[in-house]
Amino acid sequence: MLRRNMEQHKSVAGLSKFASRLLMVMMLGLWINCEARSVDDAKQLIRVKNFQGAVQVLDELSQKGDAEAQYMLAVMYRNGHGVDRNLSQAFNWFLKSAQKNHVKAQYEVGMCYANGLGVQKDSAQARLWLTKSAKQDYAQAREQLALLAEAPDVHDNVRDNFLHAQH
């Protein structure tokens, strides 16, 4: 009987040890999931076509003010990847990023204003934002400024190219 009690005690102790190890592993897993995420994490999720996961990471980073995440989140909204396509929301995120001197976001804000995408069409604002981007040596912005100078009210081809662009 003593032997059987000892075996049961070892069994319970072994189970208890196993349970505590399992609990530690689970807590470690939760800690890893709570670990700060980065734009690189979002890019990896995009590479494997997990757009909703990428949007979640980008939204979290964007709320904290990360300009690159804000730009990428805007692209996701513009293209409808992981979220419903929403040009107004895309514009808002492009603008937040552009205000932090993100060169591509400045270009995108200029294009939004030039074409009335997610915002009221405004040629003056388009030129302002495209100029900011061009001053940072962004070639596409310089090209668009030249096109605006040649034909300031003709944007149909530009709009089509913008809507189909993948950044």
Foldseek 3Di string as FASTA:
>chain_A
DVVVVVVVVVVVVVVVVVVVVVVVVVVVVVVVVVPQDDLVVLVVCVVVLVQLVSLVNLVVVVVVQDLVSLQVNLLCLLQVRSHRNAQLSSLVSLVSSVVVVPLVSLQVNLLCLLPVGSHDNDNVSSLVSLVSSVVVVDVVSVVVNVVCVVPVNDCPVVVVCSSPDDD
